[in-house]
PDB file of all heavy atoms in Angstrom:
ATOM      1  N   ALA A   1     -11.311   0.518   4.250  1.00  0.00           N
ATOM      2  CA  ALA A   1     -10.828   1.894   4.104  1.00  0.00           C
ATOM      3  C   ALA A   1      -9.610   2.156   4.982  1.00  0.00           C
ATOM      4  O   ALA A   1      -8.645   2.806   4.558  1.00  0.00           O
ATOM      5  CB  ALA A   1     -11.952   2.873   4.455  1.00  0.00           C
ATOM      6  N   TYR A   2      -9.643   1.637   6.216  1.00  0.00           N
ATOM      7  CA  TYR A   2      -8.521   1.835   7.143  1.00  0.00           C
ATOM      8  C   TYR A   2      -7.261   1.157   6.602  1.00  0.00           C
ATOM      9  O   TYR A   2      -6.175   1.749   6.591  1.00  0.00           O
ATOM     10  CB  TYR A   2      -8.886   1.270   8.519  1.00  0.00           C
ATOM     11  CG  TYR A   2      -7.827   1.523   9.577  1.00  0.00           C
ATOM     12  CD1 TYR A   2      -7.908   2.614  10.427  1.00  0.00           C
ATOM     13  CD2 TYR A   2      -6.717   0.663   9.712  1.00  0.00           C
ATOM     14  CE1 TYR A   2      -6.941   2.853  11.388  1.00  0.00           C
ATOM     15  CE2 TYR A   2      -5.752   0.901  10.669  1.00  0.00           C
ATOM     16  CZ  TYR A   2      -5.864   1.992  11.505  1.00  0.00           C
ATOM     17  OH  TYR A   2      -4.892   2.240  12.433  1.00  0.00           O
ATOM     18  N   ILE A   3      -7.411  -0.073   6.163  1.00  0.00           N
ATOM     19  CA  ILE A   3      -6.263  -0.834   5.659  1.00  0.00           C
ATOM     20  C   ILE A   3      -5.717  -0.214   4.378  1.00  0.00           C
ATOM     21  O   ILE A   3      -4.500  -0.093   4.197  1.00  0.00           O
ATOM     22  CB  ILE A   3      -6.660  -2.310   5.447  1.00  0.00           C
ATOM     23  CG1 ILE A   3      -6.980  -2.961   6.799  1.00  0.00           C
ATOM     24  CG2 ILE A   3      -5.549  -3.081   4.735  1.00  0.00           C
ATOM     25  CD1 ILE A   3      -7.633  -4.326   6.691  1.00  0.00           C
ATOM     26  N   THR A   4      -6.598   0.219   3.500  1.00  0.00           N
ATOM     27  CA  THR A   4      -6.165   0.855   2.245  1.00  0.00           C
ATOM     28  C   THR A   4      -5.395   2.130   2.523  1.00  0.00           C
ATOM     29  O   THR A   4      -4.371   2.416   1.876  1.00  0.00           O
ATOM     30  CB  THR A   4      -7.382   1.156   1.359  1.00  0.00           C
ATOM     31  OG1 THR A   4      -8.031  -0.078   1.025  1.00  0.00           O
ATOM     32  CG2 THR A   4      -6.965   1.871   0.079  1.00  0.00           C
ATOM     33  N   GLN A   5      -5.855   2.902   3.508  1.00  0.00           N
ATOM     34  CA  GLN A   5      -5.160   4.140   3.872  1.00  0.00           C
ATOM     35  C   GLN A   5      -3.736   3.854   4.319  1.00  0.00           C
ATOM     36  O   GLN A   5      -2.798   4.598   3.978  1.00  0.00           O
ATOM     37  CB  GLN A   5      -5.938   4.850   4.979  1.00  0.00           C
ATOM     38  CG  GLN A   5      -5.367   6.204   5.384  1.00  0.00           C
ATOM     39  CD  GLN A   5      -6.185   6.852   6.477  1.00  0.00           C
ATOM     40  OE1 GLN A   5      -6.531   6.226   7.478  1.00  0.00           O
ATOM     41  NE2 GLN A   5      -6.526   8.112   6.290  1.00  0.00           N
ATOM     42  N   TYR A   6      -3.563   2.771   5.090  1.00  0.00           N
ATOM     43  CA  TYR A   6      -2.216   2.405   5.535  1.00  0.00           C
ATOM     44  C   TYR A   6      -1.320   2.068   4.346  1.00  0.00           C
ATOM     45  O   TYR A   6      -0.184   2.549   4.257  1.00  0.00           O
ATOM     46  CB  TYR A   6      -2.277   1.215   6.497  1.00  0.00           C
ATOM     47  CG  TYR A   6      -0.925   0.569   6.723  1.00  0.00           C
ATOM     48  CD1 TYR A   6       0.063   1.224   7.460  1.00  0.00           C
ATOM     49  CD2 TYR A   6      -0.612  -0.665   6.164  1.00  0.00           C
ATOM     50  CE1 TYR A   6       1.315   0.654   7.649  1.00  0.00           C
ATOM     51  CE2 TYR A   6       0.634  -1.240   6.347  1.00  0.00           C
ATOM     52  CZ  TYR A   6       1.595  -0.577   7.084  1.00  0.00           C
ATOM     53  OH  TYR A   6       2.836  -1.137   7.251  1.00  0.00           O
ATOM     54  N   PHE A   7      -1.817   1.270   3.418  1.00  0.00           N
ATOM     55  CA  PHE A   7      -0.991   0.871   2.277  1.00  0.00           C
ATOM     56  C   PHE A   7      -0.718   2.049   1.335  1.00  0.00           C
ATOM     57  O   PHE A   7       0.342   2.106   0.697  1.00  0.00           O
ATOM     58  CB  PHE A   7      -1.622  -0.307   1.544  1.00  0.00           C
ATOM     59  CG  PHE A   7      -1.343  -1.622   2.209  1.00  0.00           C
ATOM     60  CD1 PHE A   7      -2.205  -2.134   3.156  1.00  0.00           C
ATOM     61  CD2 PHE A   7      -0.185  -2.335   1.905  1.00  0.00           C
ATOM     62  CE1 PHE A   7      -1.936  -3.333   3.799  1.00  0.00           C
ATOM     63  CE2 PHE A   7       0.101  -3.531   2.537  1.00  0.00           C
ATOM     64  CZ  PHE A   7      -0.782  -4.042   3.488  1.00  0.00           C
ATOM     65  N   ASP A   8      -1.640   2.982   1.261  1.00  0.00           N
ATOM     66  CA  ASP A   8      -1.385   4.201   0.479  1.00  0.00           C
ATOM     67  C   ASP A   8      -0.222   4.979   1.085  1.00  0.00           C
ATOM     68  O   ASP A   8       0.618   5.544   0.361  1.00  0.00           O
ATOM     69  CB  ASP A   8      -2.632   5.084   0.444  1.00  0.00           C
ATOM     70  CG  ASP A   8      -3.733   4.519  -0.446  1.00  0.00           C
ATOM     71  OD1 ASP A   8      -3.439   3.598  -1.250  1.00  0.00           O
ATOM     72  OD2 ASP A   8      -4.882   4.998  -0.336  1.00  0.00           O
ATOM     73  N   GLN A   9      -0.155   4.988   2.399  1.00  0.00           N
ATOM     74  CA  GLN A   9       0.949   5.680   3.077  1.00  0.00           C
ATOM     75  C   GLN A   9       2.274   4.965   2.829  1.00  0.00           C
ATOM     76  O   GLN A   9       3.313   5.606   2.618  1.00  0.00           O
ATOM     77  CB  GLN A   9       0.672   5.789   4.573  1.00  0.00           C
ATOM     78  CG  GLN A   9       1.734   6.605   5.321  1.00  0.00           C
ATOM     79  CD  GLN A   9       1.434   6.721   6.803  1.00  0.00           C
ATOM     80  OE1 GLN A   9       0.583   6.008   7.329  1.00  0.00           O
ATOM     81  NE2 GLN A   9       2.128   7.614   7.479  1.00  0.00           N
ATOM     82  N   VAL A  10       2.246   3.636   2.874  1.00  0.00           N
ATOM     83  CA  VAL A  10       3.459   2.868   2.577  1.00  0.00           C
ATOM     84  C   VAL A  10       3.970   3.222   1.184  1.00  0.00           C
ATOM     85  O   VAL A  10       5.172   3.431   0.977  1.00  0.00           O
ATOM     86  CB  VAL A  10       3.185   1.349   2.663  1.00  0.00           C
ATOM     87  CG1 VAL A  10       4.410   0.567   2.188  1.00  0.00           C
ATOM     88  CG2 VAL A  10       2.842   0.947   4.100  1.00  0.00           C
ATOM     89  N   ALA A  11       3.049   3.295   0.223  1.00  0.00           N
ATOM     90  CA  ALA A  11       3.439   3.619  -1.160  1.00  0.00           C
ATOM     91  C   ALA A  11       4.053   5.005  -1.238  1.00  0.00           C
ATOM     92  O   ALA A  11       5.052   5.212  -1.945  1.00  0.00           O
ATOM     93  CB  ALA A  11       2.218   3.515  -2.068  1.00  0.00           C
ATOM     94  N   ARG A  12       3.490   5.978  -0.513  1.00  0.00           N
ATOM     95  CA  ARG A  12       4.017   7.341  -0.532  1.00  0.00           C
ATOM     96  C   ARG A  12       5.392   7.425   0.114  1.00  0.00           C
ATOM     97  O   ARG A  12       6.305   8.067  -0.411  1.00  0.00           O
ATOM     98  CB  ARG A  12       3.054   8.296   0.192  1.00  0.00           C
ATOM     99  CG  ARG A  12       1.789   8.634  -0.560  1.00  0.00           C
ATOM    100  CD  ARG A  12       1.084   9.828   0.073  1.00  0.00           C
ATOM    101  NE  ARG A  12       0.769   9.600   1.475  1.00  0.00           N
ATOM    102  CZ  ARG A  12      -0.350   9.039   1.905  1.00  0.00           C
ATOM    103  NH1 ARG A  12      -1.254   8.614   1.038  1.00  0.00           N
ATOM    104  NH2 ARG A  12      -0.573   8.879   3.201  1.00  0.00           N
ATOM    105  N   VAL A  13       5.536   6.780   1.267  1.00  0.00           N
ATOM    106  CA  VAL A  13       6.776   6.911   2.040  1.00  0.00           C
ATOM    107  C   VAL A  13       7.920   6.112   1.410  1.00  0.00           C
ATOM    108  O   VAL A  13       9.058   6.593   1.321  1.00  0.00           O
ATOM    109  CB  VAL A  13       6.553   6.457   3.496  1.00  0.00           C
ATOM    110  CG1 VAL A  13       7.872   6.405   4.263  1.00  0.00           C
ATOM    111  CG2 VAL A  13       5.569   7.394   4.201  1.00  0.00           C
ATOM    112  N   ARG A  14       7.614   4.906   0.957  1.00  0.00           N
ATOM    113  CA  ARG A  14       8.658   4.018   0.454  1.00  0.00           C
ATOM    114  C   ARG A  14       8.749   3.958  -1.067  1.00  0.00           C
ATOM    115  O   ARG A  14       9.716   3.424  -1.608  1.00  0.00           O
ATOM    116  CB  ARG A  14       8.446   2.605   0.996  1.00  0.00           C
ATOM    117  CG  ARG A  14       8.601   2.498   2.503  1.00  0.00           C
ATOM    118  CD  ARG A  14       8.344   1.086   2.978  1.00  0.00           C
ATOM    119  NE  ARG A  14       8.570   0.937   4.414  1.00  0.00           N
ATOM    120  CZ  ARG A  14       8.250  -0.125   5.123  1.00  0.00           C
ATOM    121  NH1 ARG A  14       7.665  -1.169   4.520  1.00  0.00           N
ATOM    122  NH2 ARG A  14       8.495  -0.179   6.413  1.00  0.00           N
ATOM    123  N   GLY A  15       7.721   4.445  -1.740  1.00  0.00           N
ATOM    124  CA  GLY A  15       7.703   4.368  -3.191  1.00  0.00           C
ATOM    125  C   GLY A  15       7.492   2.958  -3.711  1.00  0.00           C
ATOM    126  O   GLY A  15       7.857   2.654  -4.852  1.00  0.00           O
ATOM    127  N   THR A  16       6.913   2.094  -2.869  1.00  0.00           N
ATOM    128  CA  THR A  16       6.664   0.708  -3.266  1.00  0.00           C
ATOM    129  C   THR A  16       5.496   0.648  -4.249  1.00  0.00           C
ATOM    130  O   THR A  16       4.489   1.341  -4.069  1.00  0.00           O
ATOM    131  CB  THR A  16       6.342  -0.163  -2.041  1.00  0.00           C
ATOM    132  OG1 THR A  16       7.340   0.065  -1.040  1.00  0.00           O
ATOM    133  CG2 THR A  16       6.324  -1.635  -2.414  1.00  0.00           C
ATOM    134  N   SER A  17       5.613  -0.160  -5.265  1.00  0.00           N
ATOM    135  CA  SER A  17       4.586  -0.226  -6.306  1.00  0.00           C
ATOM    136  C   SER A  17       3.334  -0.962  -5.817  1.00  0.00           C
ATOM    137  O   SER A  17       3.391  -1.796  -4.911  1.00  0.00           O
ATOM    138  CB  SER A  17       5.129  -0.938  -7.540  1.00  0.00           C
ATOM    139  OG  SER A  17       5.328  -2.308  -7.270  1.00  0.00           O
ATOM    140  N   LYS A  18       2.202  -0.660  -6.469  1.00  0.00           N
ATOM    141  CA  LYS A  18       0.942  -1.329  -6.159  1.00  0.00           C
ATOM    142  C   LYS A  18       1.039  -2.824  -6.440  1.00  0.00           C
ATOM    143  O   LYS A  18       0.410  -3.632  -5.752  1.00  0.00           O
ATOM    144  CB  LYS A  18      -0.192  -0.711  -6.978  1.00  0.00           C
ATOM    145  CG  LYS A  18      -0.647   0.640  -6.482  1.00  0.00           C
ATOM    146  CD  LYS A  18      -1.661   1.257  -7.422  1.00  0.00           C
ATOM    147  CE  LYS A  18      -2.911   0.402  -7.570  1.00  0.00           C
ATOM    148  NZ  LYS A  18      -3.695   0.366  -6.317  1.00  0.00           N
ATOM    149  N   GLU A  19       1.812  -3.186  -7.444  1.00  0.00           N
ATOM    150  CA  GLU A  19       1.938  -4.601  -7.800  1.00  0.00           C
ATOM    151  C   GLU A  19       2.515  -5.410  -6.637  1.00  0.00           C
ATOM    152  O   GLU A  19       2.153  -6.575  -6.441  1.00  0.00           O
ATOM    153  CB  GLU A  19       2.831  -4.760  -9.030  1.00  0.00           C
ATOM    154  CG  GLU A  19       2.194  -4.301 -10.341  1.00  0.00           C
ATOM    155  CD  GLU A  19       2.138  -2.788 -10.471  1.00  0.00           C
ATOM    156  OE1 GLU A  19       2.909  -2.091  -9.752  1.00  0.00           O
ATOM    157  OE2 GLU A  19       1.317  -2.295 -11.269  1.00  0.00           O
ATOM    158  N   ILE A  20       3.392  -4.789  -5.882  1.00  0.00           N
ATOM    159  CA  ILE A  20       3.995  -5.461  -4.727  1.00  0.00           C
ATOM    160  C   ILE A  20       3.067  -5.399  -3.506  1.00  0.00           C
ATOM    161  O   ILE A  20       2.914  -6.373  -2.771  1.00  0.00           O
ATOM    162  CB  ILE A  20       5.370  -4.834  -4.396  1.00  0.00           C
ATOM    163  CG1 ILE A  20       6.364  -5.141  -5.520  1.00  0.00           C
ATOM    164  CG2 ILE A  20       5.895  -5.347  -3.059  1.00  0.00           C
ATOM    165  CD1 ILE A  20       7.694  -4.447  -5.374  1.00  0.00           C
ATOM    166  N   LEU A  21       2.433  -4.245  -3.300  1.00  0.00           N
ATOM    167  CA  LEU A  21       1.640  -4.036  -2.093  1.00  0.00           C
ATOM    168  C   LEU A  21       0.255  -4.666  -2.148  1.00  0.00           C
ATOM    169  O   LEU A  21      -0.257  -5.140  -1.130  1.00  0.00           O
ATOM    170  CB  LEU A  21       1.483  -2.531  -1.820  1.00  0.00           C
ATOM    171  CG  LEU A  21       2.744  -1.757  -1.426  1.00  0.00           C
ATOM    172  CD1 LEU A  21       2.428  -0.281  -1.286  1.00  0.00           C
ATOM    173  CD2 LEU A  21       3.323  -2.296  -0.127  1.00  0.00           C
ATOM    174  N   ASP A  22      -0.359  -4.666  -3.310  1.00  0.00           N
ATOM    175  CA  ASP A  22      -1.765  -5.084  -3.403  1.00  0.00           C
ATOM    176  C   ASP A  22      -2.055  -6.502  -2.918  1.00  0.00           C
ATOM    177  O   ASP A  22      -3.077  -6.719  -2.242  1.00  0.00           O
ATOM    178  CB  ASP A  22      -2.280  -4.900  -4.830  1.00  0.00           C
ATOM    179  CG  ASP A  22      -2.652  -3.447  -5.117  1.00  0.00           C
ATOM    180  OD1 ASP A  22      -2.600  -2.622  -4.177  1.00  0.00           O
ATOM    181  OD2 ASP A  22      -2.984  -3.140  -6.283  1.00  0.00           O
ATOM    182  N   PRO A  23      -1.209  -7.487  -3.218  1.00  0.00           N
ATOM    183  CA  PRO A  23      -1.526  -8.834  -2.714  1.00  0.00           C
ATOM    184  C   PRO A  23      -1.606  -8.895  -1.186  1.00  0.00           C
ATOM    185  O   PRO A  23      -2.508  -9.543  -0.637  1.00  0.00           O
ATOM    186  CB  PRO A  23      -0.375  -9.687  -3.259  1.00  0.00           C
ATOM    187  CG  PRO A  23       0.080  -8.957  -4.478  1.00  0.00           C
ATOM    188  CD  PRO A  23      -0.064  -7.503  -4.132  1.00  0.00           C
ATOM    189  N   PHE A  24      -0.666  -8.240  -0.513  1.00  0.00           N
ATOM    190  CA  PHE A  24      -0.684  -8.228   0.954  1.00  0.00           C
ATOM    191  C   PHE A  24      -1.885  -7.438   1.457  1.00  0.00           C
ATOM    192  O   PHE A  24      -2.587  -7.852   2.376  1.00  0.00           O
ATOM    193  CB  PHE A  24       0.623  -7.644   1.480  1.00  0.00           C
ATOM    194  CG  PHE A  24       0.776  -7.693   2.980  1.00  0.00           C
ATOM    195  CD1 PHE A  24       0.171  -8.685   3.734  1.00  0.00           C
ATOM    196  CD2 PHE A  24       1.542  -6.742   3.637  1.00  0.00           C
ATOM    197  CE1 PHE A  24       0.312  -8.746   5.117  1.00  0.00           C
ATOM    198  CE2 PHE A  24       1.690  -6.782   5.014  1.00  0.00           C
ATOM    199  CZ  PHE A  24       1.063  -7.778   5.756  1.00  0.00           C
ATOM    200  N   LYS A  25      -2.127  -6.276   0.832  1.00  0.00           N
ATOM    201  CA  LYS A  25      -3.273  -5.454   1.223  1.00  0.00           C
ATOM    202  C   LYS A  25      -4.574  -6.242   1.087  1.00  0.00           C
ATOM    203  O   LYS A  25      -5.398  -6.262   2.013  1.00  0.00           O
ATOM    204  CB  LYS A  25      -3.338  -4.194   0.360  1.00  0.00           C
ATOM    205  CG  LYS A  25      -4.520  -3.289   0.701  1.00  0.00           C
ATOM    206  CD  LYS A  25      -4.661  -2.144  -0.294  1.00  0.00           C
ATOM    207  CE  LYS A  25      -5.241  -2.650  -1.617  1.00  0.00           C
ATOM    208  NZ  LYS A  25      -5.547  -1.539  -2.540  1.00  0.00           N
ATOM    209  N   ASP A  26      -4.753  -6.887  -0.042  1.00  0.00           N
ATOM    210  CA  ASP A  26      -5.990  -7.630  -0.286  1.00  0.00           C
ATOM    211  C   ASP A  26      -6.162  -8.783   0.699  1.00  0.00           C
ATOM    212  O   ASP A  26      -7.286  -9.072   1.143  1.00  0.00           O
ATOM    213  CB  ASP A  26      -6.011  -8.159  -1.725  1.00  0.00           C
ATOM    214  CG  ASP A  26      -6.105  -7.038  -2.761  1.00  0.00           C
ATOM    215  OD1 ASP A  26      -6.490  -5.912  -2.384  1.00  0.00           O
ATOM    216  OD2 ASP A  26      -5.776  -7.292  -3.938  1.00  0.00           O
TER     217      ASP A  26
END
């Protein structure tokens, strides 16, 4: 949950797509 919250913030601030972020997040 903590890590997902961080990546959700990255997506909001930078507009980075889930396709790019999800591999690193996972």
